[in-house]
PDB file of all heavy atoms in Angstrom:
ATOM      1  N   THR A   1     102.473  97.270 114.400  1.00  0.00           N
ATOM      2  CA  THR A   1     101.596  96.332 113.682  1.00  0.00           C
ATOM      3  C   THR A   1     102.390  95.624 112.618  1.00  0.00           C
ATOM      4  O   THR A   1     103.175  96.246 111.874  1.00  0.00           O
ATOM      5  CB  THR A   1     100.415  97.052 113.039  1.00  0.00           C
ATOM      6  OG1 THR A   1      99.688  97.787 114.036  1.00  0.00           O
ATOM      7  CG2 THR A   1      99.456  96.075 112.381  1.00  0.00           C
ATOM      8  N   MET A   2     102.185  94.324 112.476  1.00  0.00           N
ATOM      9  CA  MET A   2     102.735  93.531 111.377  1.00  0.00           C
ATOM     10  C   MET A   2     101.592  92.759 110.731  1.00  0.00           C
ATOM     11  O   MET A   2     100.585  92.432 111.430  1.00  0.00           O
ATOM     12  CB  MET A   2     103.820  92.572 111.823  1.00  0.00           C
ATOM     13  CG  MET A   2     105.021  93.271 112.460  1.00  0.00           C
ATOM     14  SD  MET A   2     106.392  92.147 112.791  1.00  0.00           S
ATOM     15  CE  MET A   2     107.052  91.870 111.157  1.00  0.00           C
ATOM     16  N   GLY A   3     101.729  92.453 109.472  1.00  0.00           N
ATOM     17  CA  GLY A   3     100.644  91.746 108.830  1.00  0.00           C
ATOM     18  C   GLY A   3     100.974  91.245 107.462  1.00  0.00           C
ATOM     19  O   GLY A   3     102.140  91.363 106.994  1.00  0.00           O
ATOM     20  N   TRP A   4      99.982  90.636 106.861  1.00  0.00           N
ATOM     21  CA  TRP A   4     100.110  90.054 105.531  1.00  0.00           C
ATOM     22  C   TRP A   4      99.015  90.594 104.612  1.00  0.00           C
ATOM     23  O   TRP A   4      97.850  90.676 105.002  1.00  0.00           O
ATOM     24  CB  TRP A   4     100.027  88.543 105.615  1.00  0.00           C
ATOM     25  CG  TRP A   4     101.136  87.916 106.389  1.00  0.00           C
ATOM     26  CD1 TRP A   4     101.168  87.588 107.707  1.00  0.00           C
ATOM     27  CD2 TRP A   4     102.413  87.506 105.784  1.00  0.00           C
ATOM     28  NE1 TRP A   4     102.388  87.019 108.009  1.00  0.00           N
ATOM     29  CE2 TRP A   4     103.156  86.969 106.893  1.00  0.00           C
ATOM     30  CE3 TRP A   4     102.949  87.554 104.538  1.00  0.00           C
ATOM     31  CZ2 TRP A   4     104.455  86.490 106.717  1.00  0.00           C
ATOM     32  CZ3 TRP A   4     104.249  87.067 104.378  1.00  0.00           C
ATOM     33  CH2 TRP A   4     104.967  86.546 105.442  1.00  0.00           C
ATOM     34  N   TYR A   5      99.405  90.914 103.408  1.00  0.00           N
ATOM     35  CA  TYR A   5      98.522  91.282 102.326  1.00  0.00           C
ATOM     36  C   TYR A   5      98.820  90.365 101.138  1.00  0.00           C
ATOM     37  O   TYR A   5      99.882  89.781 101.070  1.00  0.00           O
ATOM     38  CB  TYR A   5      98.675  92.732 101.916  1.00  0.00           C
ATOM     39  CG  TYR A   5      98.258  93.709 103.020  1.00  0.00           C
ATOM     40  CD1 TYR A   5      99.027  93.892 104.171  1.00  0.00           C
ATOM     41  CD2 TYR A   5      97.052  94.435 102.885  1.00  0.00           C
ATOM     42  CE1 TYR A   5      98.608  94.771 105.160  1.00  0.00           C
ATOM     43  CE2 TYR A   5      96.659  95.299 103.882  1.00  0.00           C
ATOM     44  CZ  TYR A   5      97.446  95.457 104.999  1.00  0.00           C
ATOM     45  OH  TYR A   5      97.040  96.317 106.004  1.00  0.00           O
ATOM     46  N   ARG A   6      97.890  90.260 100.207  1.00  0.00           N
ATOM     47  CA  ARG A   6      98.146  89.449  99.029  1.00  0.00           C
ATOM     48  C   ARG A   6      97.592  90.124  97.783  1.00  0.00           C
ATOM     49  O   ARG A   6      96.670  90.944  97.865  1.00  0.00           O
ATOM     50  CB  ARG A   6      97.535  88.064  99.215  1.00  0.00           C
ATOM     51  CG  ARG A   6      96.012  88.020  99.237  1.00  0.00           C
ATOM     52  CD  ARG A   6      95.515  86.641  99.578  1.00  0.00           C
ATOM     53  NE  ARG A   6      94.065  86.553  99.601  1.00  0.00           N
ATOM     54  CZ  ARG A   6      93.393  85.442  99.953  1.00  0.00           C
ATOM     55  NH1 ARG A   6      94.047  84.366 100.349  1.00  0.00           N
ATOM     56  NH2 ARG A   6      92.062  85.465  99.937  1.00  0.00           N
ATOM     57  N   GLN A   7      98.173  89.763  96.674  1.00  0.00           N
ATOM     58  CA  GLN A   7      97.756  90.305  95.357  1.00  0.00           C
ATOM     59  C   GLN A   7      97.817  89.247  94.310  1.00  0.00           C
ATOM     60  O   GLN A   7      98.846  88.649  94.042  1.00  0.00           O
ATOM     61  CB  GLN A   7      98.656  91.484  94.991  1.00  0.00           C
ATOM     62  CG  GLN A   7      98.147  92.208  93.749  1.00  0.00           C
ATOM     63  CD  GLN A   7      98.883  93.516  93.538  1.00  0.00           C
ATOM     64  OE1 GLN A   7     100.022  93.694  93.986  1.00  0.00           O
ATOM     65  NE2 GLN A   7      98.252  94.471  92.846  1.00  0.00           N
ATOM     66  N   ALA A   8      96.659  88.941  93.752  1.00  0.00           N
ATOM     67  CA  ALA A   8      96.559  88.026  92.617  1.00  0.00           C
ATOM     68  C   ALA A   8      96.702  88.764  91.300  1.00  0.00           C
ATOM     69  O   ALA A   8      96.428  89.981  91.265  1.00  0.00           O
ATOM     70  CB  ALA A   8      95.243  87.258  92.696  1.00  0.00           C
ATOM     71  N   PRO A   9      97.100  88.107  90.245  1.00  0.00           N
ATOM     72  CA  PRO A   9      97.249  88.809  88.964  1.00  0.00           C
ATOM     73  C   PRO A   9      95.959  89.501  88.531  1.00  0.00           C
ATOM     74  O   PRO A   9      94.892  88.919  88.560  1.00  0.00           O
ATOM     75  CB  PRO A   9      97.610  87.663  87.988  1.00  0.00           C
ATOM     76  CG  PRO A   9      98.253  86.640  88.844  1.00  0.00           C
ATOM     77  CD  PRO A   9      97.510  86.702  90.155  1.00  0.00           C
ATOM     78  N   GLY A  10      96.068  90.765  88.173  1.00  0.00           N
ATOM     79  CA  GLY A  10      94.952  91.530  87.702  1.00  0.00           C
ATOM     80  C   GLY A  10      94.023  92.043  88.805  1.00  0.00           C
ATOM     81  O   GLY A  10      92.985  92.629  88.495  1.00  0.00           O
ATOM     82  N   LYS A  11      94.382  91.812  90.054  1.00  0.00           N
ATOM     83  CA  LYS A  11      93.569  92.257  91.144  1.00  0.00           C
ATOM     84  C   LYS A  11      94.290  93.238  92.082  1.00  0.00           C
ATOM     85  O   LYS A  11      95.514  93.336  92.038  1.00  0.00           O
ATOM     86  CB  LYS A  11      93.078  91.055  91.973  1.00  0.00           C
ATOM     87  CG  LYS A  11      92.164  90.137  91.227  1.00  0.00           C
ATOM     88  CD  LYS A  11      91.621  89.022  92.151  1.00  0.00           C
ATOM     89  CE  LYS A  11      90.608  88.144  91.427  1.00  0.00           C
ATOM     90  NZ  LYS A  11      90.072  87.100  92.327  1.00  0.00           N
ATOM     91  N   GLN A  12      93.528  93.926  92.891  1.00  0.00           N
ATOM     92  CA  GLN A  12      94.105  94.821  93.874  1.00  0.00           C
ATOM     93  C   GLN A  12      94.700  94.049  95.052  1.00  0.00           C
ATOM     94  O   GLN A  12      94.273  92.944  95.365  1.00  0.00           O
ATOM     95  CB  GLN A  12      93.019  95.782  94.388  1.00  0.00           C
ATOM     96  CG  GLN A  12      92.424  96.694  93.326  1.00  0.00           C
ATOM     97  CD  GLN A  12      93.432  97.722  92.853  1.00  0.00           C
ATOM     98  OE1 GLN A  12      94.135  98.337  93.657  1.00  0.00           O
ATOM     99  NE2 GLN A  12      93.462  97.963  91.550  1.00  0.00           N
ATOM    100  N   ARG A  13      95.714  94.656  95.660  1.00  0.00           N
ATOM    101  CA  ARG A  13      96.259  94.076  96.859  1.00  0.00           C
ATOM    102  C   ARG A  13      95.205  94.170  97.988  1.00  0.00           C
ATOM    103  O   ARG A  13      94.523  95.181  98.142  1.00  0.00           O
ATOM    104  CB  ARG A  13      97.518  94.828  97.285  1.00  0.00           C
ATOM    105  CG  ARG A  13      98.257  94.167  98.423  1.00  0.00           C
ATOM    106  CD  ARG A  13      99.585  94.842  98.700  1.00  0.00           C
ATOM    107  NE  ARG A  13     100.495  94.754  97.558  1.00  0.00           N
ATOM    108  CZ  ARG A  13     101.745  95.160  97.581  1.00  0.00           C
ATOM    109  NH1 ARG A  13     102.285  95.685  98.687  1.00  0.00           N
ATOM    110  NH2 ARG A  13     102.513  95.019  96.488  1.00  0.00           N
ATOM    111  N   GLU A  14      95.046  93.094  98.738  1.00  0.00           N
ATOM    112  CA  GLU A  14      94.042  93.022  99.753  1.00  0.00           C
ATOM    113  C   GLU A  14      94.620  92.531 101.098  1.00  0.00           C
ATOM    114  O   GLU A  14      95.582  91.812 101.132  1.00  0.00           O
ATOM    115  CB  GLU A  14      92.895  92.091  99.332  1.00  0.00           C
ATOM    116  CG  GLU A  14      93.306  90.646  99.163  1.00  0.00           C
ATOM    117  CD  GLU A  14      92.124  89.747  98.800  1.00  0.00           C
ATOM    118  OE1 GLU A  14      90.992  90.238  98.718  1.00  0.00           O
ATOM    119  OE2 GLU A  14      92.362  88.531  98.571  1.00  0.00           O
ATOM    120  N   LEU A  15      93.916  92.946 102.118  1.00  0.00           N
ATOM    121  CA  LEU A  15      94.306  92.499 103.468  1.00  0.00           C
ATOM    122  C   LEU A  15      94.086  91.004 103.625  1.00  0.00           C
ATOM    123  O   LEU A  15      93.070  90.470 103.219  1.00  0.00           O
ATOM    124  CB  LEU A  15      93.423  93.242 104.513  1.00  0.00           C
ATOM    125  CG  LEU A  15      93.479  92.715 105.939  1.00  0.00           C
ATOM    126  CD1 LEU A  15      94.803  93.088 106.599  1.00  0.00           C
ATOM    127  CD2 LEU A  15      92.314  93.270 106.758  1.00  0.00           C
ATOM    128  N   VAL A  16      95.060  90.378 104.260  1.00  0.00           N
ATOM    129  CA  VAL A  16      94.883  88.993 104.772  1.00  0.00           C
ATOM    130  C   VAL A  16      94.668  89.019 106.265  1.00  0.00           C
ATOM    131  O   VAL A  16      93.634  88.601 106.782  1.00  0.00           O
ATOM    132  CB  VAL A  16      96.084  88.087 104.369  1.00  0.00           C
ATOM    133  CG1 VAL A  16      95.866  86.700 104.941  1.00  0.00           C
ATOM    134  CG2 VAL A  16      96.251  88.034 102.884  1.00  0.00           C
ATOM    135  N   ALA A  17      95.648  89.518 106.975  1.00  0.00           N
ATOM    136  CA  ALA A  17      95.552  89.609 108.425  1.00  0.00           C
ATOM    137  C   ALA A  17      96.643  90.534 108.960  1.00  0.00           C
ATOM    138  O   ALA A  17      97.681  90.631 108.385  1.00  0.00           O
ATOM    139  CB  ALA A  17      95.678  88.229 109.083  1.00  0.00           C
ATOM    140  N   THR A  18      96.327  91.213 110.061  1.00  0.00           N
ATOM    141  CA  THR A  18      97.315  91.992 110.793  1.00  0.00           C
ATOM    142  C   THR A  18      97.255  91.675 112.251  1.00  0.00           C
ATOM    143  O   THR A  18      96.236  91.186 112.758  1.00  0.00           O
ATOM    144  CB  THR A  18      97.108  93.523 110.582  1.00  0.00           C
ATOM    145  OG1 THR A  18      95.831  93.883 111.109  1.00  0.00           O
ATOM    146  CG2 THR A  18      97.207  93.895 109.125  1.00  0.00           C
ATOM    147  N   ILE A  19      98.350  91.986 112.964  1.00  0.00           N
ATOM    148  CA  ILE A  19      98.419  91.749 114.391  1.00  0.00           C
ATOM    149  C   ILE A  19      99.211  92.876 115.015  1.00  0.00           C
ATOM    150  O   ILE A  19     100.274  93.242 114.513  1.00  0.00           O
ATOM    151  CB  ILE A  19      98.994  90.342 114.693  1.00  0.00           C
ATOM    152  CG1 ILE A  19      98.992  90.071 116.202  1.00  0.00           C
ATOM    153  CG2 ILE A  19     100.412  90.214 114.119  1.00  0.00           C
ATOM    154  CD1 ILE A  19      99.306  88.604 116.514  1.00  0.00           C
ATOM    155  N   THR A  20      98.701  93.404 116.121  1.00  0.00           N
ATOM    156  CA  THR A  20      99.396  94.450 116.827  1.00  0.00           C
ATOM    157  C   THR A  20     100.373  93.889 117.792  1.00  0.00           C
ATOM    158  O   THR A  20     100.426  92.697 118.080  1.00  0.00           O
ATOM    159  CB  THR A  20      98.381  95.347 117.575  1.00  0.00           C
ATOM    160  OG1 THR A  20      97.804  94.604 118.654  1.00  0.00           O
ATOM    161  CG2 THR A  20      97.272  95.834 116.656  1.00  0.00           C
ATOM    162  N   SER A  21     101.215  94.781 118.360  1.00  0.00           N
ATOM    163  CA  SER A  21     102.190  94.347 119.338  1.00  0.00           C
ATOM    164  C   SER A  21     101.528  93.772 120.603  1.00  0.00           C
ATOM    165  O   SER A  21     102.135  92.946 121.270  1.00  0.00           O
ATOM    166  CB  SER A  21     103.112  95.531 119.741  1.00  0.00           C
ATOM    167  OG  SER A  21     102.353  96.583 120.293  1.00  0.00           O
ATOM    168  N   GLY A  22     100.313  94.187 120.854  1.00  0.00           N
ATOM    169  CA  GLY A  22      99.557  93.680 121.983  1.00  0.00           C
ATOM    170  C   GLY A  22      98.768  92.409 121.703  1.00  0.00           C
ATOM    171  O   GLY A  22      98.117  91.861 122.612  1.00  0.00           O
ATOM    172  N   GLY A  23      98.792  91.926 120.466  1.00  0.00           N
ATOM    173  CA  GLY A  23      98.121  90.703 120.097  1.00  0.00           C
ATOM    174  C   GLY A  23      96.768  90.873 119.459  1.00  0.00           C
ATOM    175  O   GLY A  23      96.092  89.888 119.173  1.00  0.00           O
ATOM    176  N   GLY A  24      96.335  92.122 119.220  1.00  0.00           N
ATOM    177  CA  GLY A  24      95.060  92.312 118.547  1.00  0.00           C
ATOM    178  C   GLY A  24      95.104  91.910 117.081  1.00  0.00           C
ATOM    179  O   GLY A  24      96.042  92.303 116.376  1.00  0.00           O
ATOM    180  N   ILE A  25      94.129  91.183 116.618  1.00  0.00           N
ATOM    181  CA  ILE A  25      94.109  90.620 115.269  1.00  0.00           C
ATOM    182  C   ILE A  25      92.972  91.175 114.463  1.00  0.00           C
ATOM    183  O   ILE A  25      91.839  91.301 114.923  1.00  0.00           O
ATOM    184  CB  ILE A  25      94.057  89.094 115.332  1.00  0.00           C
ATOM    185  CG1 ILE A  25      95.349  88.529 115.937  1.00  0.00           C
ATOM    186  CG2 ILE A  25      93.823  88.505 113.953  1.00  0.00           C
ATOM    187  CD1 ILE A  25      95.289  87.046 116.227  1.00  0.00           C
ATOM    188  N   ASN A  26      93.289  91.497 113.203  1.00  0.00           N
ATOM    189  CA  ASN A  26      92.291  91.866 112.231  1.00  0.00           C
ATOM    190  C   ASN A  26      92.527  91.003 110.993  1.00  0.00           C
ATOM    191  O   ASN A  26      93.632  91.016 110.422  1.00  0.00           O
ATOM    192  CB  ASN A  26      92.396  93.334 111.866  1.00  0.00           C
ATOM    193  CG  ASN A  26      91.390  93.765 110.821  1.00  0.00           C
ATOM    194  OD1 ASN A  26      90.263  93.290 110.795  1.00  0.00           O
ATOM    195  ND2 ASN A  26      91.783  94.721 109.959  1.00  0.00           N
ATOM    196  N   ASP A  27      91.536  90.209 110.587  1.00  0.00           N
ATOM    197  CA  ASP A  27      91.719  89.354 109.437  1.00  0.00           C
ATOM    198  C   ASP A  27      90.544  89.415 108.488  1.00  0.00           C
ATOM    199  O   ASP A  27      89.443  89.846 108.849  1.00  0.00           O
ATOM    200  CB  ASP A  27      92.035  87.893 109.826  1.00  0.00           C
ATOM    201  CG  ASP A  27      91.025  87.280 110.752  1.00  0.00           C
ATOM    202  OD1 ASP A  27      89.968  87.875 110.982  1.00  0.00           O
ATOM    203  OD2 ASP A  27      91.316  86.184 111.283  1.00  0.00           O
ATOM    204  N   ALA A  28      90.778  88.991 107.278  1.00  0.00           N
ATOM    205  CA  ALA A  28      89.769  89.078 106.239  1.00  0.00           C
ATOM    206  C   ALA A  28      88.755  87.953 106.413  1.00  0.00           C
ATOM    207  O   ALA A  28      89.081  86.843 106.811  1.00  0.00           O
ATOM    208  CB  ALA A  28      90.395  89.021 104.837  1.00  0.00           C
ATOM    209  N   ASP A  29      87.511  88.237 105.989  1.00  0.00           N
ATOM    210  CA  ASP A  29      86.475  87.184 106.085  1.00  0.00           C
ATOM    211  C   ASP A  29      86.839  85.968 105.264  1.00  0.00           C
ATOM    212  O   ASP A  29      86.487  84.827 105.647  1.00  0.00           O
ATOM    213  CB  ASP A  29      85.138  87.751 105.613  1.00  0.00           C
ATOM    214  CG  ASP A  29      84.564  88.750 106.571  1.00  0.00           C
ATOM    215  OD1 ASP A  29      84.921  88.790 107.758  1.00  0.00           O
ATOM    216  OD2 ASP A  29      83.676  89.518 106.150  1.00  0.00           O
ATOM    217  N   SER A  30      87.537  86.173 104.150  1.00  0.00           N
ATOM    218  CA  SER A  30      87.834  85.058 103.261  1.00  0.00           C
ATOM    219  C   SER A  30      88.829  84.063 103.869  1.00  0.00           C
ATOM    220  O   SER A  30      88.904  82.923 103.334  1.00  0.00           O
ATOM    221  CB  SER A  30      88.430  85.611 101.950  1.00  0.00           C
ATOM    222  OG  SER A  30      89.609  86.347 102.198  1.00  0.00           O
ATOM    223  N   VAL A  31      89.535  84.410 104.907  1.00  0.00           N
ATOM    224  CA  VAL A  31      90.506  83.499 105.518  1.00  0.00           C
ATOM    225  C   VAL A  31      90.155  83.101 106.945  1.00  0.00           C
ATOM    226  O   VAL A  31      90.868  82.308 107.548  1.00  0.00           O
ATOM    227  CB  VAL A  31      91.908  84.090 105.473  1.00  0.00           C
ATOM    228  CG1 VAL A  31      92.288  84.500 104.057  1.00  0.00           C
ATOM    229  CG2 VAL A  31      92.052  85.263 106.430  1.00  0.00           C
ATOM    230  N   LYS A  32      89.082  83.644 107.483  1.00  0.00           N
ATOM    231  CA  LYS A  32      88.683  83.298 108.847  1.00  0.00           C
ATOM    232  C   LYS A  32      88.509  81.788 109.013  1.00  0.00           C
ATOM    233  O   LYS A  32      87.853  81.148 108.198  1.00  0.00           O
ATOM    234  CB  LYS A  32      87.407  84.016 109.226  1.00  0.00           C
ATOM    235  CG  LYS A  32      87.581  85.505 109.511  1.00  0.00           C
ATOM    236  CD  LYS A  32      86.304  86.104 110.005  1.00  0.00           C
ATOM    237  CE  LYS A  32      86.404  87.610 110.130  1.00  0.00           C
ATOM    238  NZ  LYS A  32      87.403  88.061 111.088  1.00  0.00           N
ATOM    239  N   GLY A  33      89.065  81.259 110.063  1.00  0.00           N
ATOM    240  CA  GLY A  33      88.951  79.833 110.353  1.00  0.00           C
ATOM    241  C   GLY A  33      89.975  78.992 109.621  1.00  0.00           C
ATOM    242  O   GLY A  33      90.057  77.782 109.906  1.00  0.00           O
ATOM    243  N   ARG A  34      90.718  79.557 108.713  1.00  0.00           N
ATOM    244  CA  ARG A  34      91.699  78.821 107.948  1.00  0.00           C
ATOM    245  C   ARG A  34      93.129  79.310 108.172  1.00  0.00           C
ATOM    246  O   ARG A  34      94.059  78.530 108.241  1.00  0.00           O
ATOM    247  CB  ARG A  34      91.402  78.834 106.460  1.00  0.00           C
ATOM    248  CG  ARG A  34      90.051  78.279 106.082  1.00  0.00           C
ATOM    249  CD  ARG A  34      89.856  78.155 104.557  1.00  0.00           C
ATOM    250  NE  ARG A  34      89.913  79.476 103.924  1.00  0.00           N
ATOM    251  CZ  ARG A  34      90.823  79.826 102.978  1.00  0.00           C
ATOM    252  NH1 ARG A  34      91.722  78.922 102.595  1.00  0.00           N
ATOM    253  NH2 ARG A  34      90.812  81.006 102.449  1.00  0.00           N
ATOM    254  N   PHE A  35      93.302  80.638 108.246  1.00  0.00           N
ATOM    255  CA  PHE A  35      94.609  81.219 108.432  1.00  0.00           C
ATOM    256  C   PHE A  35      94.729  81.771 109.844  1.00  0.00           C
ATOM    257  O   PHE A  35      93.774  82.281 110.411  1.00  0.00           O
ATOM    258  CB  PHE A  35      94.835  82.402 107.470  1.00  0.00           C
ATOM    259  CG  PHE A  35      94.905  82.035 106.022  1.00  0.00           C
ATOM    260  CD1 PHE A  35      94.668  80.762 105.577  1.00  0.00           C
ATOM    261  CD2 PHE A  35      95.254  82.995 105.064  1.00  0.00           C
ATOM    262  CE1 PHE A  35      94.740  80.419 104.233  1.00  0.00           C
ATOM    263  CE2 PHE A  35      95.363  82.699 103.754  1.00  0.00           C
ATOM    264  CZ  PHE A  35      95.081  81.411 103.314  1.00  0.00           C
ATOM    265  N   THR A  36      95.931  81.646 110.420  1.00  0.00           N
ATOM    266  CA  THR A  36      96.204  82.166 111.739  1.00  0.00           C
ATOM    267  C   THR A  36      97.484  83.002 111.686  1.00  0.00           C
ATOM    268  O   THR A  36      98.550  82.514 111.265  1.00  0.00           O
ATOM    269  CB  THR A  36      96.395  81.034 112.769  1.00  0.00           C
ATOM    270  OG1 THR A  36      95.210  80.237 112.781  1.00  0.00           O
ATOM    271  CG2 THR A  36      96.635  81.597 114.137  1.00  0.00           C
ATOM    272  N   ILE A  37      97.382  84.245 112.138  1.00  0.00           N
ATOM    273  CA  ILE A  37      98.537  85.132 112.202  1.00  0.00           C
ATOM    274  C   ILE A  37      99.063  85.127 113.639  1.00  0.00           C
ATOM    275  O   ILE A  37      98.280  85.090 114.580  1.00  0.00           O
ATOM    276  CB  ILE A  37      98.201  86.572 111.707  1.00  0.00           C
ATOM    277  CG1 ILE A  37      99.460  87.382 111.585  1.00  0.00           C
ATOM    278  CG2 ILE A  37      97.187  87.226 112.643  1.00  0.00           C
ATOM    279  CD1 ILE A  37      99.232  88.692 110.867  1.00  0.00           C
ATOM    280  N   SER A  38     100.360  85.202 113.769  1.00  0.00           N
ATOM    281  CA  SER A  38     101.003  85.294 115.074  1.00  0.00           C
ATOM    282  C   SER A  38     102.318  86.018 114.939  1.00  0.00           C
ATOM    283  O   SER A  38     102.790  86.280 113.805  1.00  0.00           O
ATOM    284  CB  SER A  38     101.234  83.879 115.669  1.00  0.00           C
ATOM    285  OG  SER A  38     102.101  83.109 114.839  1.00  0.00           O
ATOM    286  N   ARG A  39     102.860  86.446 116.070  1.00  0.00           N
ATOM    287  CA  ARG A  39     104.131  87.159 116.021  1.00  0.00           C
ATOM    288  C   ARG A  39     104.976  86.872 117.259  1.00  0.00           C
ATOM    289  O   ARG A  39     104.445  86.548 118.314  1.00  0.00           O
ATOM    290  CB  ARG A  39     103.919  88.687 115.860  1.00  0.00           C
ATOM    291  CG  ARG A  39     103.286  89.359 117.078  1.00  0.00           C
ATOM    292  CD  ARG A  39     102.976  90.821 116.757  1.00  0.00           C
ATOM    293  NE  ARG A  39     104.146  91.670 116.697  1.00  0.00           N
ATOM    294  CZ  ARG A  39     104.139  92.953 116.368  1.00  0.00           C
ATOM    295  NH1 ARG A  39     102.973  93.536 116.052  1.00  0.00           N
ATOM    296  NH2 ARG A  39     105.247  93.676 116.358  1.00  0.00           N
ATOM    297  N   ASP A  40     106.257  87.019 117.076  1.00  0.00           N
ATOM    298  CA  ASP A  40     107.219  86.915 118.166  1.00  0.00           C
ATOM    299  C   ASP A  40     107.858  88.303 118.259  1.00  0.00           C
ATOM    300  O   ASP A  40     108.714  88.668 117.447  1.00  0.00           O
ATOM    301  CB  ASP A  40     108.231  85.856 117.853  1.00  0.00           C
ATOM    302  CG  ASP A  40     109.199  85.619 118.993  1.00  0.00           C
ATOM    303  OD1 ASP A  40     109.424  86.526 119.783  1.00  0.00           O
ATOM    304  OD2 ASP A  40     109.756  84.472 119.085  1.00  0.00           O
ATOM    305  N   ASN A  41     107.429  89.063 119.257  1.00  0.00           N
ATOM    306  CA  ASN A  41     107.931  90.431 119.386  1.00  0.00           C
ATOM    307  C   ASN A  41     109.425  90.470 119.630  1.00  0.00           C
ATOM    308  O   ASN A  41     110.106  91.395 119.161  1.00  0.00           O
ATOM    309  CB  ASN A  41     107.166  91.149 120.515  1.00  0.00           C
ATOM    310  CG  ASN A  41     105.749  91.417 120.177  1.00  0.00           C
ATOM    311  OD1 ASN A  41     105.379  91.590 119.002  1.00  0.00           O
ATOM    312  ND2 ASN A  41     104.888  91.496 121.181  1.00  0.00           N
ATOM    313  N   ALA A  42     109.929  89.512 120.382  1.00  0.00           N
ATOM    314  CA  ALA A  42     111.366  89.519 120.691  1.00  0.00           C
ATOM    315  C   ALA A  42     112.225  89.315 119.434  1.00  0.00           C
ATOM    316  O   ALA A  42     113.355  89.830 119.344  1.00  0.00           O
ATOM    317  CB  ALA A  42     111.693  88.428 121.716  1.00  0.00           C
ATOM    318  N   LYS A  43     111.675  88.600 118.449  1.00  0.00           N
ATOM    319  CA  LYS A  43     112.408  88.346 117.229  1.00  0.00           C
ATOM    320  C   LYS A  43     111.945  89.212 116.065  1.00  0.00           C
ATOM    321  O   LYS A  43     112.446  89.072 114.948  1.00  0.00           O
ATOM    322  CB  LYS A  43     112.287  86.846 116.813  1.00  0.00           C
ATOM    323  CG  LYS A  43     112.860  85.904 117.817  1.00  0.00           C
ATOM    324  CD  LYS A  43     113.044  84.501 117.214  1.00  0.00           C
ATOM    325  CE  LYS A  43     111.749  83.845 116.872  1.00  0.00           C
ATOM    326  NZ  LYS A  43     111.967  82.449 116.405  1.00  0.00           N
ATOM    327  N   ASN A  44     111.013  90.114 116.320  1.00  0.00           N
ATOM    328  CA  ASN A  44     110.458  90.993 115.281  1.00  0.00           C
ATOM    329  C   ASN A  44     110.033  90.172 114.031  1.00  0.00           C
ATOM    330  O   ASN A  44     110.328  90.523 112.926  1.00  0.00           O
ATOM    331  CB  ASN A  44     111.435  92.029 114.891  1.00  0.00           C
ATOM    332  CG  ASN A  44     111.607  93.093 115.998  1.00  0.00           C
ATOM    333  OD1 ASN A  44     110.643  93.550 116.595  1.00  0.00           O
ATOM    334  ND2 ASN A  44     112.848  93.487 116.237  1.00  0.00           N
ATOM    335  N   THR A  45     109.324  89.113 114.309  1.00  0.00           N
ATOM    336  CA  THR A  45     108.908  88.182 113.256  1.00  0.00           C
ATOM    337  C   THR A  45     107.416  87.940 113.330  1.00  0.00           C
ATOM    338  O   THR A  45     106.827  87.782 114.425  1.00  0.00           O
ATOM    339  CB  THR A  45     109.655  86.850 113.385  1.00  0.00           C
ATOM    340  OG1 THR A  45     111.074  87.052 113.275  1.00  0.00           O
ATOM    341  CG2 THR A  45     109.228  85.900 112.320  1.00  0.00           C
TER     342      THR A  45
END
């Protein structure tokens, strides 16, 4: 699994989105429809 989290000043770190090696995605309600996570398994990126 690879993903992104974010932390604003004075706030807890929170989930943005994650993606599994098989392409399964979990993202936060606050970014749905605006952010897109993707990965290139061959490049580990």
